[in-house]
Amino acid sequence: MATCDELKELLEIEVIPDVEEAIDELFEIIADAKNADEAAKTEYAELQELRTAFTDLLHDLEAGEVGEEECADIFKELEEMIESSQDEEDV
């Protein structure tokens, strides 16, 4: 079972940097397009919200406000999301 420390590490090393990279890429697309489509703008906003949620979770972890069972559940969900994302990239 994953611990809160493992979840914190996953957030710091993989998840948050990946979300920030996606935000940066979308920002460049939007900035380069004079009339960026609404889908790109929506995805950009959603990624910003996701980054905020992950950052808030990280702060909660550092404050010891998340229990081990909840950490394990979140860790499992994040791993599944990462695997799903990698599978989509491989196609």
N, C-alpha and C. Protein backbone atom coordinates (compact mmCIF):
# COMPACT_ATOMS: atom_id res chain seq x y z
N MET A 1 0.85 -1.18 0.00
CA MET A 1 0.00 0.00 0.00
C MET A 1 0.89 1.24 0.00
N ALA A 2 0.51 2.21 -0.78
CA ALA A 2 1.27 3.44 -0.88
C ALA A 2 1.10 4.28 0.38
N THR A 3 2.15 4.96 0.75
CA THR A 3 2.08 5.84 1.91
C THR A 3 1.91 7.27 1.45
N CYS A 4 1.64 8.13 2.41
CA CYS A 4 1.50 9.55 2.07
C CYS A 4 2.81 10.12 1.53
N ASP A 5 3.94 9.60 2.01
CA ASP A 5 5.23 10.07 1.48
C ASP A 5 5.38 9.70 0.00
N GLU A 6 4.93 8.51 -0.37
CA GLU A 6 4.99 8.10 -1.77
C GLU A 6 4.07 8.96 -2.63
N LEU A 7 2.90 9.29 -2.10
CA LEU A 7 1.96 10.16 -2.82
C LEU A 7 2.57 11.54 -3.00
N LYS A 8 3.16 12.07 -1.94
CA LYS A 8 3.80 13.38 -2.00
C LYS A 8 4.90 13.39 -3.06
N GLU A 9 5.71 12.34 -3.08
CA GLU A 9 6.79 12.24 -4.05
C GLU A 9 6.24 12.16 -5.48
N LEU A 10 5.18 11.38 -5.67
CA LEU A 10 4.57 11.26 -6.99
C LEU A 10 4.05 12.62 -7.47
N LEU A 11 3.41 13.36 -6.57
CA LEU A 11 2.90 14.68 -6.93
C LEU A 11 4.04 15.63 -7.28
N GLU A 12 5.09 15.65 -6.46
CA GLU A 12 6.19 16.60 -6.65
C GLU A 12 7.04 16.28 -7.88
N ILE A 13 7.28 15.01 -8.11
CA ILE A 13 8.23 14.61 -9.15
C ILE A 13 7.57 14.40 -10.51
N GLU A 14 6.34 13.88 -10.52
CA GLU A 14 5.75 13.52 -11.80
C GLU A 14 4.48 14.29 -12.13
N VAL A 15 3.51 14.26 -11.25
CA VAL A 15 2.18 14.76 -11.61
C VAL A 15 2.17 16.28 -11.80
N ILE A 16 2.59 17.04 -10.81
CA ILE A 16 2.53 18.50 -10.93
C ILE A 16 3.44 19.00 -12.07
N PRO A 17 4.68 18.51 -12.19
CA PRO A 17 5.49 18.96 -13.34
C PRO A 17 4.86 18.62 -14.70
N ASP A 18 4.22 17.45 -14.81
CA ASP A 18 3.57 17.09 -16.07
C ASP A 18 2.41 18.02 -16.39
N VAL A 19 1.62 18.35 -15.37
CA VAL A 19 0.49 19.27 -15.58
C VAL A 19 1.01 20.65 -15.95
N GLU A 20 2.07 21.10 -15.29
CA GLU A 20 2.64 22.41 -15.61
C GLU A 20 3.20 22.45 -17.03
N GLU A 21 3.79 21.34 -17.46
CA GLU A 21 4.30 21.26 -18.83
C GLU A 21 3.15 21.35 -19.85
N ALA A 22 2.07 20.66 -19.56
CA ALA A 22 0.90 20.71 -20.46
C ALA A 22 0.31 22.11 -20.49
N ILE A 23 0.28 22.78 -19.34
CA ILE A 23 -0.21 24.16 -19.28
C ILE A 23 0.67 25.07 -20.14
N ASP A 24 1.97 24.91 -20.00
CA ASP A 24 2.90 25.73 -20.79
C ASP A 24 2.70 25.52 -22.29
N GLU A 25 2.54 24.26 -22.70
CA GLU A 25 2.33 23.96 -24.12
C GLU A 25 1.04 24.58 -24.63
N LEU A 26 -0.02 24.46 -23.84
CA LEU A 26 -1.30 25.06 -24.25
C LEU A 26 -1.21 26.57 -24.29
N PHE A 27 -0.51 27.16 -23.34
CA PHE A 27 -0.36 28.61 -23.32
C PHE A 27 0.32 29.09 -24.59
N GLU A 28 1.35 28.36 -25.02
CA GLU A 28 2.04 28.73 -26.26
C GLU A 28 1.11 28.63 -27.46
N ILE A 29 0.30 27.58 -27.51
CA ILE A 29 -0.64 27.40 -28.60
C ILE A 29 -1.64 28.55 -28.63
N ILE A 30 -2.16 28.87 -27.47
CA ILE A 30 -3.16 29.95 -27.37
C ILE A 30 -2.52 31.29 -27.71
N ALA A 31 -1.31 31.53 -27.22
CA ALA A 31 -0.64 32.80 -27.47
C ALA A 31 -0.28 32.96 -28.94
N ASP A 32 0.08 31.86 -29.60
CA ASP A 32 0.45 31.92 -31.01
C ASP A 32 -0.75 32.09 -31.94
N ALA A 33 -1.90 31.64 -31.50
CA ALA A 33 -3.10 31.72 -32.33
C ALA A 33 -3.84 33.00 -32.02
N LYS A 34 -4.09 33.78 -33.03
CA LYS A 34 -4.83 35.02 -32.80
C LYS A 34 -6.23 34.73 -32.29
N ASN A 35 -6.83 33.71 -32.84
CA ASN A 35 -8.18 33.32 -32.43
C ASN A 35 -8.16 31.87 -31.96
N ALA A 36 -7.57 31.65 -30.80
CA ALA A 36 -7.50 30.29 -30.27
C ALA A 36 -8.90 29.74 -30.07
N ASP A 37 -9.06 28.44 -30.37
CA ASP A 37 -10.38 27.86 -30.25
C ASP A 37 -10.77 27.68 -28.79
N GLU A 38 -12.05 27.61 -28.57
CA GLU A 38 -12.60 27.51 -27.21
C GLU A 38 -12.16 26.22 -26.53
N ALA A 39 -11.98 25.15 -27.28
CA ALA A 39 -11.57 23.88 -26.69
C ALA A 39 -10.20 24.02 -26.02
N ALA A 40 -9.27 24.70 -26.68
CA ALA A 40 -7.93 24.91 -26.12
C ALA A 40 -8.01 25.78 -24.88
N LYS A 41 -8.82 26.82 -24.94
CA LYS A 41 -8.97 27.71 -23.78
C LYS A 41 -9.60 26.96 -22.60
N THR A 42 -10.57 26.12 -22.89
CA THR A 42 -11.23 25.34 -21.84
C THR A 42 -10.25 24.35 -21.22
N GLU A 43 -9.50 23.66 -22.07
CA GLU A 43 -8.52 22.69 -21.56
C GLU A 43 -7.46 23.40 -20.71
N TYR A 44 -7.05 24.58 -21.13
CA TYR A 44 -6.06 25.37 -20.38
C TYR A 44 -6.61 25.69 -18.99
N ALA A 45 -7.85 26.15 -18.93
CA ALA A 45 -8.47 26.48 -17.64
C ALA A 45 -8.60 25.24 -16.75
N GLU A 46 -8.98 24.12 -17.35
CA GLU A 46 -9.13 22.88 -16.59
C GLU A 46 -7.80 22.41 -16.03
N LEU A 47 -6.73 22.54 -16.82
CA LEU A 47 -5.41 22.15 -16.35
C LEU A 47 -4.93 23.05 -15.21
N GLN A 48 -5.26 24.32 -15.29
CA GLN A 48 -4.90 25.23 -14.20
C GLN A 48 -5.63 24.83 -12.91
N GLU A 49 -6.91 24.47 -13.03
CA GLU A 49 -7.67 24.02 -11.87
C GLU A 49 -7.09 22.73 -11.30
N LEU A 50 -6.68 21.83 -12.19
CA LEU A 50 -6.09 20.57 -11.77
C LEU A 50 -4.78 20.81 -11.02
N ARG A 51 -3.96 21.70 -11.56
CA ARG A 51 -2.70 22.04 -10.88
C ARG A 51 -2.97 22.60 -9.50
N THR A 52 -3.96 23.47 -9.39
CA THR A 52 -4.32 24.04 -8.09
C THR A 52 -4.76 22.96 -7.12
N ALA A 53 -5.57 22.02 -7.60
CA ALA A 53 -6.04 20.93 -6.75
C ALA A 53 -4.87 20.06 -6.27
N PHE A 54 -3.95 19.74 -7.17
CA PHE A 54 -2.80 18.93 -6.79
C PHE A 54 -1.88 19.68 -5.82
N THR A 55 -1.71 20.97 -6.04
CA THR A 55 -0.89 21.78 -5.14
C THR A 55 -1.52 21.86 -3.76
N ASP A 56 -2.84 22.02 -3.72
CA ASP A 56 -3.55 22.04 -2.44
C ASP A 56 -3.40 20.70 -1.72
N LEU A 57 -3.51 19.61 -2.47
CA LEU A 57 -3.32 18.28 -1.89
C LEU A 57 -1.92 18.14 -1.32
N LEU A 58 -0.93 18.63 -2.05
CA LEU A 58 0.44 18.56 -1.59
C LEU A 58 0.61 19.32 -0.27
N HIS A 59 0.00 20.49 -0.17
CA HIS A 59 0.06 21.26 1.08
C HIS A 59 -0.62 20.51 2.22
N ASP A 60 -1.75 19.88 1.93
CA ASP A 60 -2.45 19.09 2.94
C ASP A 60 -1.59 17.92 3.40
N LEU A 61 -0.88 17.29 2.47
CA LEU A 61 0.01 16.19 2.82
C LEU A 61 1.13 16.68 3.74
N GLU A 62 1.72 17.80 3.38
CA GLU A 62 2.80 18.36 4.18
C GLU A 62 2.33 18.75 5.57
N ALA A 63 1.06 19.12 5.70
CA ALA A 63 0.50 19.51 6.99
C ALA A 63 0.00 18.30 7.78
N GLY A 64 0.08 17.12 7.18
CA GLY A 64 -0.37 15.91 7.85
C GLY A 64 -1.87 15.79 7.96
N GLU A 65 -2.58 16.41 7.04
CA GLU A 65 -4.04 16.44 7.08
C GLU A 65 -4.70 15.35 6.24
N VAL A 66 -3.90 14.44 5.70
CA VAL A 66 -4.45 13.37 4.86
C VAL A 66 -4.06 12.03 5.49
N GLY A 67 -5.05 11.17 5.70
CA GLY A 67 -4.79 9.87 6.30
C GLY A 67 -4.16 8.90 5.33
N GLU A 68 -3.53 7.86 5.89
CA GLU A 68 -2.84 6.86 5.08
C GLU A 68 -3.77 6.17 4.08
N GLU A 69 -4.98 5.85 4.50
CA GLU A 69 -5.92 5.17 3.60
C GLU A 69 -6.30 6.08 2.43
N GLU A 70 -6.54 7.34 2.73
CA GLU A 70 -6.88 8.29 1.67
C GLU A 70 -5.69 8.48 0.73
N CYS A 71 -4.49 8.53 1.29
CA CYS A 71 -3.27 8.63 0.47
C CYS A 71 -3.17 7.46 -0.49
N ALA A 72 -3.41 6.27 0.03
CA ALA A 72 -3.32 5.07 -0.79
C ALA A 72 -4.34 5.11 -1.93
N ASP A 73 -5.56 5.55 -1.63
CA ASP A 73 -6.61 5.64 -2.65
C ASP A 73 -6.24 6.65 -3.73
N ILE A 74 -5.77 7.81 -3.31
CA ILE A 74 -5.39 8.86 -4.27
C ILE A 74 -4.21 8.40 -5.10
N PHE A 75 -3.22 7.78 -4.45
CA PHE A 75 -2.05 7.28 -5.15
C PHE A 75 -2.46 6.30 -6.24
N LYS A 76 -3.33 5.38 -5.89
CA LYS A 76 -3.81 4.38 -6.86
C LYS A 76 -4.51 5.05 -8.04
N GLU A 77 -5.36 6.03 -7.75
CA GLU A 77 -6.07 6.74 -8.82
C GLU A 77 -5.09 7.48 -9.74
N LEU A 78 -4.10 8.12 -9.15
CA LEU A 78 -3.11 8.84 -9.95
C LEU A 78 -2.30 7.88 -10.82
N GLU A 79 -1.91 6.75 -10.26
CA GLU A 79 -1.18 5.77 -11.05
C GLU A 79 -2.01 5.29 -12.24
N GLU A 80 -3.31 5.06 -12.00
CA GLU A 80 -4.19 4.63 -13.09
C GLU A 80 -4.30 5.72 -14.16
N MET A 81 -4.40 6.99 -13.72
CA MET A 81 -4.46 8.10 -14.67
C MET A 81 -3.19 8.17 -15.51
N ILE A 82 -2.05 7.99 -14.85
CA ILE A 82 -0.76 8.06 -15.55
C ILE A 82 -0.66 6.92 -16.56
N GLU A 83 -1.01 5.72 -16.15
CA GLU A 83 -0.96 4.57 -17.06
C GLU A 83 -1.90 4.77 -18.25
N SER A 84 -3.09 5.27 -17.99
CA SER A 84 -4.05 5.53 -19.06
C SER A 84 -3.51 6.57 -20.03
N SER A 85 -2.90 7.60 -19.50
CA SER A 85 -2.32 8.67 -20.33
C SER A 85 -1.19 8.12 -21.18
N GLN A 86 -0.35 7.27 -20.59
CA GLN A 86 0.76 6.70 -21.33
C GLN A 86 0.27 5.76 -22.41
N ASP A 87 -0.80 5.01 -22.12
CA ASP A 87 -1.38 4.12 -23.12
C ASP A 87 -1.90 4.90 -24.30
N GLU A 88 -2.53 6.05 -24.04
CA GLU A 88 -3.06 6.89 -25.11
C GLU A 88 -1.94 7.46 -25.97
N GLU A 89 -0.80 7.80 -25.35
CA GLU A 89 0.33 8.33 -26.08
C GLU A 89 0.96 7.27 -26.96
N ASP A 90 0.90 6.02 -26.54
CA ASP A 90 1.49 4.93 -27.30
C ASP A 90 0.66 4.56 -28.55
N VAL A 91 -0.58 4.98 -28.58
CA VAL A 91 -1.46 4.62 -29.71
C VAL A 91 -1.24 5.53 -30.88
